[in-house]
Amino acid sequence: MEDGLQVTIDLRSDAIEITGGIEDVEQVERIFADYESLRKSGVTLQNGELKGMLRLVIADPEVSLRSLVDSGKQRSAGVKRMVQPRSPNQRKYVEAIEQGDMTFGLGPAGTGKTYLAVAMAVAALMAKRVSRIILVRPAVEAGERLGFLPGSLQEKVDPYLRPLYDALYDLLDQEKVDKLLERNAIEVAPLAFMRGRTLSDAFIIMDEAQNTTTEQMKMFVTRMGNGSKAVITGDMTQIDLPNPKKSGLFEALRVLEGVEGIVFCHFEEVDVVRHSLVQRIVRAYDSYGRAQQMPLELGDAGIPTAGIDAGEVAEAAPVSKPQ
């Protein structure tokens, strides 16, 4: 609150003293009043939840702690954790999923794209707004080879789907998840298994969409049947395809932009909700990537020098032959 609202907060023996502009001080007072009211009503906010909510309240004065908790409770019926966005972009993403039929969540690792989508899907299933959840991922190898892994095809692809299982077990009791998986109310499968199907009355999530081909992406977005929602998540900086320019997600950004009923939500490093170090790592990689894309400068003899090493310069330089 001090950083976001330019106030100073001091804890006295019998009071909290707030110093700053009138409107900022009044907003801090409202936050403390809401927090105390929620505490008395039995609501306990974890540090991560509270920090995320404060970020939202500071960004939008029309939002209050109480309204955020109330909306989180409505989304979390039957779920053991409160489904609560922790940044303005996450809030737009959650609202887009609630209101639209197809939502793309694009951004770096740790921004909650997949977790929030799975949480919204579980909440919709528990509230009987859909009859099943279908979670898919392209089983693209990131340096490893599927054929060398032991076991059946399902056992080979399960490690690629593990993040989706982790989110499910975090939101529901293990017994409940296992029962839902057993009766196919929740289906976790590689993308290849979706071909030829029509998915009605379902909440469909595709994770790691940057690793789809153009044909796979077109196949997936045309699977929707009546009463279904689809969420597609991906990170354009982590493409594992042999040719990154052939990513289906990259093409979908250009082809589907402006299509009615489809919303694109973009996340940034400020939306990272993992360890604070992850946010700094993402920022460092972004800065490095931008530096690598700087236009080449011409050195002596018209040789480009920026972005290539000394060995490459030596190879490119004209060689003087002895007379």
C-alpha atoms as a PDB file:
ATOM      1  CA  MET A   1       0.000   0.000   0.000  1.00  0.00           C
ATOM      2  CA  GLU A   2       2.880   2.378   0.783  1.00  0.00           C
ATOM      3  CA  ASP A   3       4.458   1.777  -2.626  1.00  0.00           C
ATOM      4  CA  GLY A   4       1.225   1.888  -4.614  1.00  0.00           C
ATOM      5  CA  LEU A   5      -0.526   4.799  -2.892  1.00  0.00           C
ATOM      6  CA  GLN A   6       2.452   6.963  -1.886  1.00  0.00           C
ATOM      7  CA  VAL A   7       1.601   6.861   1.810  1.00  0.00           C
ATOM      8  CA  THR A   8       3.531   6.139   5.005  1.00  0.00           C
ATOM      9  CA  ILE A   9       2.021   3.643   7.457  1.00  0.00           C
ATOM     10  CA  ASP A  10       3.332   3.524  11.041  1.00  0.00           C
ATOM     11  CA  LEU A  11       2.236   1.071  13.717  1.00  0.00           C
ATOM     12  CA  ARG A  12       1.744   2.787  17.089  1.00  0.00           C
ATOM     13  CA  SER A  13       1.044   1.101  20.413  1.00  0.00           C
ATOM     14  CA  ASP A  14      -2.720   1.631  20.094  1.00  0.00           C
ATOM     15  CA  ALA A  15      -3.295   2.738  16.497  1.00  0.00           C
ATOM     16  CA  ILE A  16      -2.117   2.734  12.874  1.00  0.00           C
ATOM     17  CA  GLU A  17      -0.974   6.134  11.664  1.00  0.00           C
ATOM     18  CA  ILE A  18      -1.296   6.863   7.921  1.00  0.00           C
ATOM     19  CA  THR A  19       0.385   9.880   6.319  1.00  0.00           C
ATOM     20  CA  GLY A  20      -0.221  10.980   2.719  1.00  0.00           C
ATOM     21  CA  GLY A  21      -2.695  12.658   0.371  1.00  0.00           C
ATOM     22  CA  ILE A  22      -6.318  12.850   1.509  1.00  0.00           C
ATOM     23  CA  GLU A  23      -7.703  10.447  -1.129  1.00  0.00           C
ATOM     24  CA  ASP A  24      -4.856   7.977  -0.647  1.00  0.00           C
ATOM     25  CA  VAL A  25      -5.266   7.979   3.144  1.00  0.00           C
ATOM     26  CA  GLU A  26      -9.024   7.460   2.767  1.00  0.00           C
ATOM     27  CA  GLN A  27      -8.400   4.496   0.452  1.00  0.00           C
ATOM     28  CA  VAL A  28      -6.012   2.921   2.964  1.00  0.00           C
ATOM     29  CA  GLU A  29      -8.653   3.428   5.688  1.00  0.00           C
ATOM     30  CA  ARG A  30     -11.241   1.627   3.531  1.00  0.00           C
ATOM     31  CA  ILE A  31      -8.806  -1.259   2.946  1.00  0.00           C
ATOM     32  CA  PHE A  32      -8.157  -1.666   6.690  1.00  0.00           C
ATOM     33  CA  ALA A  33     -11.890  -1.442   7.453  1.00  0.00           C
ATOM     34  CA  ASP A  34     -12.689  -4.100   4.829  1.00  0.00           C
ATOM     35  CA  TYR A  35      -9.900  -6.345   6.062  1.00  0.00           C
ATOM     36  CA  GLU A  36     -11.104  -6.112   9.678  1.00  0.00           C
ATOM     37  CA  SER A  37     -14.695  -6.781   8.614  1.00  0.00           C
ATOM     38  CA  LEU A  38     -13.659  -9.838   6.604  1.00  0.00           C
ATOM     39  CA  ARG A  39     -11.511 -11.122   9.472  1.00  0.00           C
ATOM     40  CA  LYS A  40     -14.449 -10.864  11.904  1.00  0.00           C
ATOM     41  CA  SER A  41     -16.658 -12.762   9.453  1.00  0.00           C
ATOM     42  CA  GLY A  42     -14.151 -15.639   9.428  1.00  0.00           C
ATOM     43  CA  VAL A  43     -12.375 -14.934   6.127  1.00  0.00           C
ATOM     44  CA  THR A  44      -8.639 -15.693   6.363  1.00  0.00           C
ATOM     45  CA  LEU A  45      -6.527 -14.395   3.482  1.00  0.00           C
ATOM     46  CA  GLN A  46      -3.162 -15.973   2.758  1.00  0.00           C
ATOM     47  CA  ASN A  47      -0.225 -13.649   2.081  1.00  0.00           C
ATOM     48  CA  GLY A  48      -0.256 -14.321  -1.672  1.00  0.00           C
ATOM     49  CA  GLU A  49      -4.017 -13.766  -1.929  1.00  0.00           C
ATOM     50  CA  LEU A  50      -3.899 -10.569   0.115  1.00  0.00           C
ATOM     51  CA  LYS A  51      -0.969  -9.166  -1.858  1.00  0.00           C
ATOM     52  CA  GLY A  52      -2.745  -9.843  -5.153  1.00  0.00           C
ATOM     53  CA  MET A  53      -5.996  -8.296  -3.921  1.00  0.00           C
ATOM     54  CA  LEU A  54      -4.200  -5.195  -2.676  1.00  0.00           C
ATOM     55  CA  ARG A  55      -2.603  -4.839  -6.106  1.00  0.00           C
ATOM     56  CA  LEU A  56      -6.084  -4.874  -7.684  1.00  0.00           C
ATOM     57  CA  VAL A  57      -7.565  -2.442  -5.146  1.00  0.00           C
ATOM     58  CA  ILE A  58      -4.698   0.011  -5.627  1.00  0.00           C
ATOM     59  CA  ALA A  59      -4.968  -0.203  -9.442  1.00  0.00           C
ATOM     60  CA  ASP A  60      -8.745   0.463  -9.435  1.00  0.00           C
ATOM     61  CA  PRO A  61     -10.252   2.649  -6.668  1.00  0.00           C
ATOM     62  CA  GLU A  62     -13.727   1.343  -7.604  1.00  0.00           C
ATOM     63  CA  VAL A  63     -12.703  -2.141  -6.410  1.00  0.00           C
ATOM     64  CA  SER A  64     -12.760  -3.076  -2.719  1.00  0.00           C
ATOM     65  CA  LEU A  65     -11.344  -6.005  -0.745  1.00  0.00           C
ATOM     66  CA  ARG A  66     -14.863  -7.090   0.152  1.00  0.00           C
ATOM     67  CA  SER A  67     -16.098  -7.069  -3.470  1.00  0.00           C
ATOM     68  CA  LEU A  68     -13.074  -9.133  -4.541  1.00  0.00           C
ATOM     69  CA  VAL A  69     -13.683 -11.716  -1.821  1.00  0.00           C
ATOM     70  CA  ASP A  70     -17.401 -11.888  -2.676  1.00  0.00           C
ATOM     71  CA  SER A  71     -16.730 -12.438  -6.380  1.00  0.00           C
ATOM     72  CA  GLY A  72     -14.056 -15.028  -5.491  1.00  0.00           C
ATOM     73  CA  LYS A  73     -16.542 -16.945  -3.345  1.00  0.00           C
ATOM     74  CA  GLN A  74     -19.078 -17.021  -6.197  1.00  0.00           C
ATOM     75  CA  ARG A  75     -16.446 -18.482  -8.522  1.00  0.00           C
ATOM     76  CA  SER A  76     -15.256 -21.013  -5.960  1.00  0.00           C
ATOM     77  CA  ALA A  77     -18.406 -23.006  -5.159  1.00  0.00           C
ATOM     78  CA  GLY A  78     -17.308 -26.569  -4.436  1.00  0.00           C
ATOM     79  CA  VAL A  79     -13.601 -25.696  -4.823  1.00  0.00           C
ATOM     80  CA  LYS A  80     -11.276 -25.885  -1.825  1.00  0.00           C
ATOM     81  CA  ARG A  81      -9.332 -22.748  -2.847  1.00  0.00           C
ATOM     82  CA  MET A  82     -10.755 -19.321  -3.639  1.00  0.00           C
ATOM     83  CA  VAL A  83     -10.472 -18.552  -7.348  1.00  0.00           C
ATOM     84  CA  GLN A  84      -9.119 -15.034  -7.123  1.00  0.00           C
ATOM     85  CA  PRO A  85      -7.123 -13.039  -9.723  1.00  0.00           C
ATOM     86  CA  ARG A  86      -4.040 -11.313  -8.325  1.00  0.00           C
ATOM     87  CA  SER A  87      -3.344  -8.652 -10.958  1.00  0.00           C
ATOM     88  CA  PRO A  88      -5.384  -6.389 -13.284  1.00  0.00           C
ATOM     89  CA  ASN A  89      -4.507  -8.582 -16.299  1.00  0.00           C
ATOM     90  CA  GLN A  90      -5.549 -11.728 -14.432  1.00  0.00           C
ATOM     91  CA  ARG A  91      -8.832 -10.031 -13.565  1.00  0.00           C
ATOM     92  CA  LYS A  92      -9.478  -9.198 -17.255  1.00  0.00           C
ATOM     93  CA  TYR A  93      -8.637 -12.812 -18.122  1.00  0.00           C
ATOM     94  CA  VAL A  94     -11.051 -14.282 -15.566  1.00  0.00           C
ATOM     95  CA  GLU A  95     -13.824 -11.900 -16.660  1.00  0.00           C
ATOM     96  CA  ALA A  96     -13.192 -12.759 -20.330  1.00  0.00           C
ATOM     97  CA  ILE A  97     -13.518 -16.483 -19.532  1.00  0.00           C
ATOM     98  CA  GLU A  98     -16.750 -15.859 -17.620  1.00  0.00           C
ATOM     99  CA  GLN A  99     -18.339 -13.724 -20.328  1.00  0.00           C
ATOM    100  CA  GLY A 100     -16.961 -15.180 -23.581  1.00  0.00           C
ATOM    101  CA  ASP A 101     -16.883 -18.514 -25.376  1.00  0.00           C
ATOM    102  CA  MET A 102     -13.225 -18.618 -26.441  1.00  0.00           C
ATOM    103  CA  THR A 103     -10.343 -16.932 -24.612  1.00  0.00           C
ATOM    104  CA  PHE A 104      -6.616 -16.907 -25.391  1.00  0.00           C
ATOM    105  CA  GLY A 105      -4.236 -16.360 -22.443  1.00  0.00           C
ATOM    106  CA  LEU A 106      -0.786 -15.356 -23.693  1.00  0.00           C
ATOM    107  CA  GLY A 107       2.245 -14.554 -21.590  1.00  0.00           C
ATOM    108  CA  PRO A 108       5.304 -15.740 -19.666  1.00  0.00           C
ATOM    109  CA  ALA A 109       5.567 -18.619 -17.209  1.00  0.00           C
ATOM    110  CA  GLY A 110       4.118 -18.146 -13.743  1.00  0.00           C
ATOM    111  CA  THR A 111       1.363 -15.678 -14.644  1.00  0.00           C
ATOM    112  CA  GLY A 112      -1.457 -18.076 -13.689  1.00  0.00           C
ATOM    113  CA  LYS A 113      -2.775 -18.647 -17.221  1.00  0.00           C
ATOM    114  CA  THR A 114      -3.279 -22.392 -16.844  1.00  0.00           C
ATOM    115  CA  TYR A 115      -4.126 -22.464 -13.142  1.00  0.00           C
ATOM    116  CA  LEU A 116      -6.876 -19.834 -13.434  1.00  0.00           C
ATOM    117  CA  ALA A 117      -8.331 -21.559 -16.504  1.00  0.00           C
ATOM    118  CA  VAL A 118      -8.452 -24.928 -14.700  1.00  0.00           C
ATOM    119  CA  ALA A 119      -9.919 -23.231 -11.598  1.00  0.00           C
ATOM    120  CA  MET A 120     -12.669 -21.621 -13.692  1.00  0.00           C
ATOM    121  CA  ALA A 121     -13.352 -24.976 -15.362  1.00  0.00           C
ATOM    122  CA  VAL A 122     -13.621 -26.808 -12.029  1.00  0.00           C
ATOM    123  CA  ALA A 123     -15.931 -24.106 -10.634  1.00  0.00           C
ATOM    124  CA  ALA A 124     -18.153 -24.388 -13.742  1.00  0.00           C
ATOM    125  CA  LEU A 125     -18.284 -28.188 -13.384  1.00  0.00           C
ATOM    126  CA  MET A 126     -19.128 -28.026  -9.666  1.00  0.00           C
ATOM    127  CA  ALA A 127     -21.886 -25.470 -10.405  1.00  0.00           C
ATOM    128  CA  LYS A 128     -23.195 -27.795 -13.184  1.00  0.00           C
ATOM    129  CA  ARG A 129     -22.764 -25.115 -15.861  1.00  0.00           C
ATOM    130  CA  VAL A 130     -20.910 -27.739 -17.916  1.00  0.00           C
ATOM    131  CA  SER A 131     -21.044 -31.524 -17.754  1.00  0.00           C
ATOM    132  CA  ARG A 132     -17.341 -32.213 -18.275  1.00  0.00           C
ATOM    133  CA  ILE A 133     -13.865 -30.712 -18.415  1.00  0.00           C
ATOM    134  CA  ILE A 134     -11.435 -31.588 -21.187  1.00  0.00           C
ATOM    135  CA  LEU A 135      -7.781 -30.650 -20.641  1.00  0.00           C
ATOM    136  CA  VAL A 136      -5.390 -31.093 -23.550  1.00  0.00           C
ATOM    137  CA  ARG A 137      -1.737 -30.432 -24.337  1.00  0.00           C
ATOM    138  CA  PRO A 138       0.354 -31.031 -27.430  1.00  0.00           C
ATOM    139  CA  ALA A 139       2.867 -33.755 -26.482  1.00  0.00           C
ATOM    140  CA  VAL A 140       5.852 -31.991 -28.018  1.00  0.00           C
ATOM    141  CA  GLU A 141       9.299 -33.078 -26.916  1.00  0.00           C
ATOM    142  CA  ALA A 142      11.549 -30.406 -25.392  1.00  0.00           C
ATOM    143  CA  GLY A 143      14.869 -32.141 -26.030  1.00  0.00           C
ATOM    144  CA  GLU A 144      13.685 -35.624 -25.017  1.00  0.00           C
ATOM    145  CA  ARG A 145      12.217 -38.394 -27.153  1.00  0.00           C
ATOM    146  CA  LEU A 146       8.869 -39.987 -26.261  1.00  0.00           C
ATOM    147  CA  GLY A 147       9.832 -43.310 -27.796  1.00  0.00           C
ATOM    148  CA  PHE A 148      12.580 -43.888 -25.227  1.00  0.00           C
ATOM    149  CA  LEU A 149      10.203 -43.490 -22.271  1.00  0.00           C
ATOM    150  CA  PRO A 150       8.934 -46.759 -20.748  1.00  0.00           C
ATOM    151  CA  GLY A 151       5.288 -47.830 -20.697  1.00  0.00           C
ATOM    152  CA  SER A 152       2.162 -47.497 -22.824  1.00  0.00           C
ATOM    153  CA  LEU A 153       1.278 -44.434 -24.919  1.00  0.00           C
ATOM    154  CA  GLN A 154      -0.775 -42.992 -22.033  1.00  0.00           C
ATOM    155  CA  GLU A 155       2.139 -43.500 -19.636  1.00  0.00           C
ATOM    156  CA  LYS A 156       4.467 -41.823 -22.129  1.00  0.00           C
ATOM    157  CA  VAL A 157       2.312 -38.686 -22.460  1.00  0.00           C
ATOM    158  CA  ASP A 158       1.255 -38.404 -18.794  1.00  0.00           C
ATOM    159  CA  PRO A 159       4.429 -36.483 -17.802  1.00  0.00           C
ATOM    160  CA  TYR A 160       3.516 -33.820 -20.373  1.00  0.00           C
ATOM    161  CA  LEU A 161       0.064 -33.482 -18.791  1.00  0.00           C
ATOM    162  CA  ARG A 162       1.327 -33.387 -15.189  1.00  0.00           C
ATOM    163  CA  PRO A 163       0.854 -29.588 -14.726  1.00  0.00           C
ATOM    164  CA  LEU A 164      -2.858 -30.037 -15.481  1.00  0.00           C
ATOM    165  CA  TYR A 165      -3.155 -32.846 -12.913  1.00  0.00           C
ATOM    166  CA  ASP A 166      -1.295 -30.691 -10.367  1.00  0.00           C
ATOM    167  CA  ALA A 167      -3.796 -27.851 -10.796  1.00  0.00           C
ATOM    168  CA  LEU A 168      -6.741 -30.255 -10.386  1.00  0.00           C
ATOM    169  CA  TYR A 169      -5.349 -31.783  -7.178  1.00  0.00           C
ATOM    170  CA  ASP A 170      -4.688 -28.291  -5.811  1.00  0.00           C
ATOM    171  CA  LEU A 171      -8.320 -27.270  -6.361  1.00  0.00           C
ATOM    172  CA  LEU A 172     -10.160 -30.468  -5.395  1.00  0.00           C
ATOM    173  CA  ASP A 173      -9.585 -33.351  -2.995  1.00  0.00           C
ATOM    174  CA  GLN A 174      -7.640 -36.204  -4.574  1.00  0.00           C
ATOM    175  CA  GLU A 175     -10.500 -38.684  -4.120  1.00  0.00           C
ATOM    176  CA  LYS A 176     -12.904 -36.347  -5.918  1.00  0.00           C
ATOM    177  CA  VAL A 177     -10.477 -35.780  -8.798  1.00  0.00           C
ATOM    178  CA  ASP A 178      -9.881 -39.529  -9.166  1.00  0.00           C
ATOM    179  CA  LYS A 179     -13.640 -40.218  -9.261  1.00  0.00           C
ATOM    180  CA  LEU A 180     -14.231 -37.493 -11.849  1.00  0.00           C
ATOM    181  CA  LEU A 181     -11.370 -38.848 -13.967  1.00  0.00           C
ATOM    182  CA  GLU A 182     -12.717 -42.390 -13.615  1.00  0.00           C
ATOM    183  CA  ARG A 183     -16.162 -41.474 -14.973  1.00  0.00           C
ATOM    184  CA  ASN A 184     -14.701 -39.145 -17.638  1.00  0.00           C
ATOM    185  CA  ALA A 185     -16.262 -35.996 -16.154  1.00  0.00           C
ATOM    186  CA  ILE A 186     -12.659 -34.766 -16.337  1.00  0.00           C
ATOM    187  CA  GLU A 187     -10.591 -35.915 -19.291  1.00  0.00           C
ATOM    188  CA  VAL A 188      -6.866 -35.202 -19.598  1.00  0.00           C
ATOM    189  CA  ALA A 189      -5.431 -36.128 -22.984  1.00  0.00           C
ATOM    190  CA  PRO A 190      -2.841 -35.204 -25.596  1.00  0.00           C
ATOM    191  CA  LEU A 191      -4.071 -32.936 -28.384  1.00  0.00           C
ATOM    192  CA  ALA A 192      -3.794 -35.679 -31.005  1.00  0.00           C
ATOM    193  CA  PHE A 193      -6.724 -37.498 -29.330  1.00  0.00           C
ATOM    194  CA  MET A 194      -9.099 -34.601 -30.149  1.00  0.00           C
ATOM    195  CA  ARG A 195      -9.239 -35.092 -33.917  1.00  0.00           C
ATOM    196  CA  GLY A 196     -12.707 -35.894 -35.277  1.00  0.00           C
ATOM    197  CA  ARG A 197     -14.547 -35.107 -32.024  1.00  0.00           C
ATOM    198  CA  THR A 198     -17.298 -32.569 -31.317  1.00  0.00           C
ATOM    199  CA  LEU A 199     -17.106 -31.363 -27.726  1.00  0.00           C
ATOM    200  CA  SER A 200     -20.496 -30.172 -26.453  1.00  0.00           C
ATOM    201  CA  ASP A 201     -21.469 -28.910 -22.990  1.00  0.00           C
ATOM    202  CA  ALA A 202     -17.793 -28.912 -22.025  1.00  0.00           C
ATOM    203  CA  PHE A 203     -15.118 -26.604 -20.652  1.00  0.00           C
ATOM    204  CA  ILE A 204     -12.110 -27.223 -22.913  1.00  0.00           C
ATOM    205  CA  ILE A 205      -8.595 -26.015 -22.081  1.00  0.00           C
ATOM    206  CA  MET A 206      -5.532 -26.323 -24.288  1.00  0.00           C
ATOM    207  CA  ASP A 207      -2.262 -25.655 -22.482  1.00  0.00           C
ATOM    208  CA  GLU A 208       1.154 -24.976 -24.103  1.00  0.00           C
ATOM    209  CA  ALA A 209      -0.599 -23.915 -27.312  1.00  0.00           C
ATOM    210  CA  GLN A 210       2.626 -22.398 -28.664  1.00  0.00           C
ATOM    211  CA  ASN A 211       3.687 -25.984 -29.473  1.00  0.00           C
ATOM    212  CA  THR A 212       0.792 -26.652 -31.842  1.00  0.00           C
ATOM    213  CA  THR A 213       1.165 -26.670 -35.591  1.00  0.00           C
ATOM    214  CA  THR A 214      -1.161 -24.572 -37.750  1.00  0.00           C
ATOM    215  CA  GLU A 215      -3.216 -27.675 -38.590  1.00  0.00           C
ATOM    216  CA  GLN A 216      -3.509 -28.715 -34.925  1.00  0.00           C
ATOM    217  CA  MET A 217      -4.655 -25.244 -33.848  1.00  0.00           C
ATOM    218  CA  LYS A 218      -7.308 -25.115 -36.585  1.00  0.00           C
ATOM    219  CA  MET A 219      -8.430 -28.614 -35.611  1.00  0.00           C
ATOM    220  CA  PHE A 220      -8.721 -27.663 -31.916  1.00  0.00           C
ATOM    221  CA  VAL A 221     -10.607 -24.358 -32.271  1.00  0.00           C
ATOM    222  CA  THR A 222     -13.189 -26.072 -34.494  1.00  0.00           C
ATOM    223  CA  ARG A 223     -13.962 -28.825 -31.925  1.00  0.00           C
ATOM    224  CA  MET A 224     -16.415 -26.662 -29.934  1.00  0.00           C
ATOM    225  CA  GLY A 225     -20.002 -27.841 -29.736  1.00  0.00           C
ATOM    226  CA  ASN A 226     -23.100 -26.236 -28.197  1.00  0.00           C
ATOM    227  CA  GLY A 227     -22.804 -25.016 -24.606  1.00  0.00           C
ATOM    228  CA  SER A 228     -19.002 -25.184 -24.569  1.00  0.00           C
ATOM    229  CA  LYS A 229     -16.236 -22.796 -23.551  1.00  0.00           C
ATOM    230  CA  ALA A 230     -12.630 -22.962 -24.717  1.00  0.00           C
ATOM    231  CA  VAL A 231      -9.492 -21.468 -23.189  1.00  0.00           C
ATOM    232  CA  ILE A 232      -6.161 -21.588 -25.035  1.00  0.00           C
ATOM    233  CA  THR A 233      -2.981 -20.720 -23.123  1.00  0.00           C
ATOM    234  CA  GLY A 234       0.576 -20.338 -24.321  1.00  0.00           C
ATOM    235  CA  ASP A 235       3.909 -18.562 -24.107  1.00  0.00           C
ATOM    236  CA  MET A 236       5.388 -17.417 -27.406  1.00  0.00           C
ATOM    237  CA  THR A 237       8.894 -17.338 -25.875  1.00  0.00           C
ATOM    238  CA  GLN A 238       8.907 -21.094 -25.130  1.00  0.00           C
ATOM    239  CA  ILE A 239       8.218 -22.726 -28.489  1.00  0.00           C
ATOM    240  CA  ASP A 240       9.655 -26.269 -28.715  1.00  0.00           C
ATOM    241  CA  LEU A 241       8.739 -26.842 -32.379  1.00  0.00           C
ATOM    242  CA  PRO A 242      11.616 -27.341 -34.863  1.00  0.00           C
ATOM    243  CA  ASN A 243      10.456 -24.234 -36.744  1.00  0.00           C
ATOM    244  CA  PRO A 244       9.097 -21.645 -34.237  1.00  0.00           C
ATOM    245  CA  LYS A 245       7.622 -19.544 -37.054  1.00  0.00           C
ATOM    246  CA  LYS A 246       5.216 -22.401 -37.834  1.00  0.00           C
ATOM    247  CA  SER A 247       3.561 -22.242 -34.399  1.00  0.00           C
ATOM    248  CA  GLY A 248      -0.226 -22.521 -34.651  1.00  0.00           C
ATOM    249  CA  LEU A 249      -0.599 -20.036 -31.811  1.00  0.00           C
ATOM    250  CA  PHE A 250       1.509 -17.465 -33.659  1.00  0.00           C
ATOM    251  CA  GLU A 251      -0.726 -17.790 -36.725  1.00  0.00           C
ATOM    252  CA  ALA A 252      -3.948 -17.793 -34.659  1.00  0.00           C
ATOM    253  CA  LEU A 253      -2.950 -14.398 -33.251  1.00  0.00           C
ATOM    254  CA  ARG A 254      -3.050 -12.977 -36.767  1.00  0.00           C
ATOM    255  CA  VAL A 255      -5.958 -14.976 -38.199  1.00  0.00           C
ATOM    256  CA  LEU A 256      -8.444 -14.760 -35.297  1.00  0.00           C
ATOM    257  CA  GLU A 257      -7.748 -11.218 -34.050  1.00  0.00           C
ATOM    258  CA  GLY A 258     -11.021  -9.290 -34.300  1.00  0.00           C
ATOM    259  CA  VAL A 259     -13.254 -12.368 -34.647  1.00  0.00           C
ATOM    260  CA  GLU A 260     -16.414 -11.792 -32.591  1.00  0.00           C
ATOM    261  CA  GLY A 261     -16.589 -14.036 -29.519  1.00  0.00           C
ATOM    262  CA  ILE A 262     -12.808 -14.500 -29.213  1.00  0.00           C
ATOM    263  CA  VAL A 263     -10.797 -12.531 -26.641  1.00  0.00           C
ATOM    264  CA  PHE A 264      -6.993 -12.317 -26.444  1.00  0.00           C
ATOM    265  CA  CYS A 265      -5.603 -11.593 -22.963  1.00  0.00           C
ATOM    266  CA  HIS A 266      -1.915 -10.696 -22.713  1.00  0.00           C
ATOM    267  CA  PHE A 267       0.152 -11.145 -19.544  1.00  0.00           C
ATOM    268  CA  GLU A 268       3.430  -9.442 -18.612  1.00  0.00           C
ATOM    269  CA  GLU A 269       6.178 -10.089 -16.062  1.00  0.00           C
ATOM    270  CA  VAL A 270       4.302  -7.963 -13.482  1.00  0.00           C
ATOM    271  CA  ASP A 271       1.583 -10.646 -13.501  1.00  0.00           C
ATOM    272  CA  VAL A 272       3.943 -13.408 -12.342  1.00  0.00           C
ATOM    273  CA  VAL A 273       2.503 -14.898  -9.148  1.00  0.00           C
ATOM    274  CA  ARG A 274       5.228 -17.442  -8.370  1.00  0.00           C
ATOM    275  CA  HIS A 275       8.333 -16.651  -6.327  1.00  0.00           C
ATOM    276  CA  SER A 276       9.371 -12.997  -6.750  1.00  0.00           C
ATOM    277  CA  LEU A 277      12.642 -14.242  -8.275  1.00  0.00           C
ATOM    278  CA  VAL A 278      10.655 -15.682 -11.224  1.00  0.00           C
ATOM    279  CA  GLN A 279       9.404 -12.192 -12.065  1.00  0.00           C
ATOM    280  CA  ARG A 280      12.976 -10.889 -12.158  1.00  0.00           C
ATOM    281  CA  ILE A 281      14.109 -13.861 -14.282  1.00  0.00           C
ATOM    282  CA  VAL A 282      11.317 -13.251 -16.832  1.00  0.00           C
ATOM    283  CA  ARG A 283      12.249  -9.549 -16.973  1.00  0.00           C
ATOM    284  CA  ALA A 284      15.930 -10.413 -17.521  1.00  0.00           C
ATOM    285  CA  TYR A 285      15.122 -12.780 -20.401  1.00  0.00           C
ATOM    286  CA  ASP A 286      12.834 -10.159 -21.994  1.00  0.00           C
ATOM    287  CA  SER A 287      15.587  -7.550 -21.810  1.00  0.00           C
ATOM    288  CA  TYR A 288      18.113  -9.996 -23.262  1.00  0.00           C
ATOM    289  CA  GLY A 289      15.732 -10.938 -26.083  1.00  0.00           C
ATOM    290  CA  ARG A 290      15.165  -7.293 -27.012  1.00  0.00           C
ATOM    291  CA  ALA A 291      18.908  -6.669 -27.018  1.00  0.00           C
ATOM    292  CA  GLN A 292      19.454  -9.618 -29.379  1.00  0.00           C
ATOM    293  CA  GLN A 293      16.884  -8.187 -31.789  1.00  0.00           C
ATOM    294  CA  MET A 294      18.637  -4.775 -32.062  1.00  0.00           C
ATOM    295  CA  PRO A 295      19.514  -3.797 -35.653  1.00  0.00           C
ATOM    296  CA  LEU A 296      23.038  -4.771 -36.680  1.00  0.00           C
ATOM    297  CA  GLU A 297      25.628  -2.020 -36.766  1.00  0.00           C
ATOM    298  CA  LEU A 298      28.196  -1.862 -39.538  1.00  0.00           C
ATOM    299  CA  GLY A 299      31.831  -1.892 -38.423  1.00  0.00           C
ATOM    300  CA  ASP A 300      35.000  -1.506 -40.433  1.00  0.00           C
ATOM    301  CA  ALA A 301      34.770  -2.643 -44.043  1.00  0.00           C
ATOM    302  CA  GLY A 302      30.962  -2.719 -43.747  1.00  0.00           C
ATOM    303  CA  ILE A 303      30.993  -5.863 -41.578  1.00  0.00           C
ATOM    304  CA  PRO A 304      27.974  -6.199 -39.200  1.00  0.00           C
ATOM    305  CA  THR A 305      29.293  -6.444 -35.641  1.00  0.00           C
ATOM    306  CA  ALA A 306      26.279  -6.251 -33.276  1.00  0.00           C
ATOM    307  CA  GLY A 307      24.838  -9.614 -32.264  1.00  0.00           C
ATOM    308  CA  ILE A 308      27.700 -11.798 -33.631  1.00  0.00           C
ATOM    309  CA  ASP A 309      30.804 -12.981 -31.862  1.00  0.00           C
ATOM    310  CA  ALA A 310      34.452 -12.303 -32.645  1.00  0.00           C
ATOM    311  CA  GLY A 311      34.847 -15.631 -34.429  1.00  0.00           C
ATOM    312  CA  GLU A 312      32.003 -14.806 -36.810  1.00  0.00           C
ATOM    313  CA  VAL A 313      33.523 -11.372 -37.483  1.00  0.00           C
ATOM    314  CA  ALA A 314      36.875 -13.002 -38.250  1.00  0.00           C
ATOM    315  CA  GLU A 315      35.202 -15.379 -40.720  1.00  0.00           C
ATOM    316  CA  ALA A 316      33.314 -12.538 -42.369  1.00  0.00           C
ATOM    317  CA  ALA A 317      36.316 -10.201 -42.668  1.00  0.00           C
ATOM    318  CA  PRO A 318      38.204 -10.069 -45.972  1.00  0.00           C
ATOM    319  CA  VAL A 319      41.471 -12.017 -45.825  1.00  0.00           C
ATOM    320  CA  SER A 320      44.724 -10.334 -47.045  1.00  0.00           C
ATOM    321  CA  LYS A 321      46.715 -12.717 -49.202  1.00  0.00           C
ATOM    322  CA  PRO A 322      50.519 -12.346 -49.280  1.00  0.00           C
ATOM    323  CA  GLN A 323      51.838 -10.904 -52.549  1.00  0.00           C
END
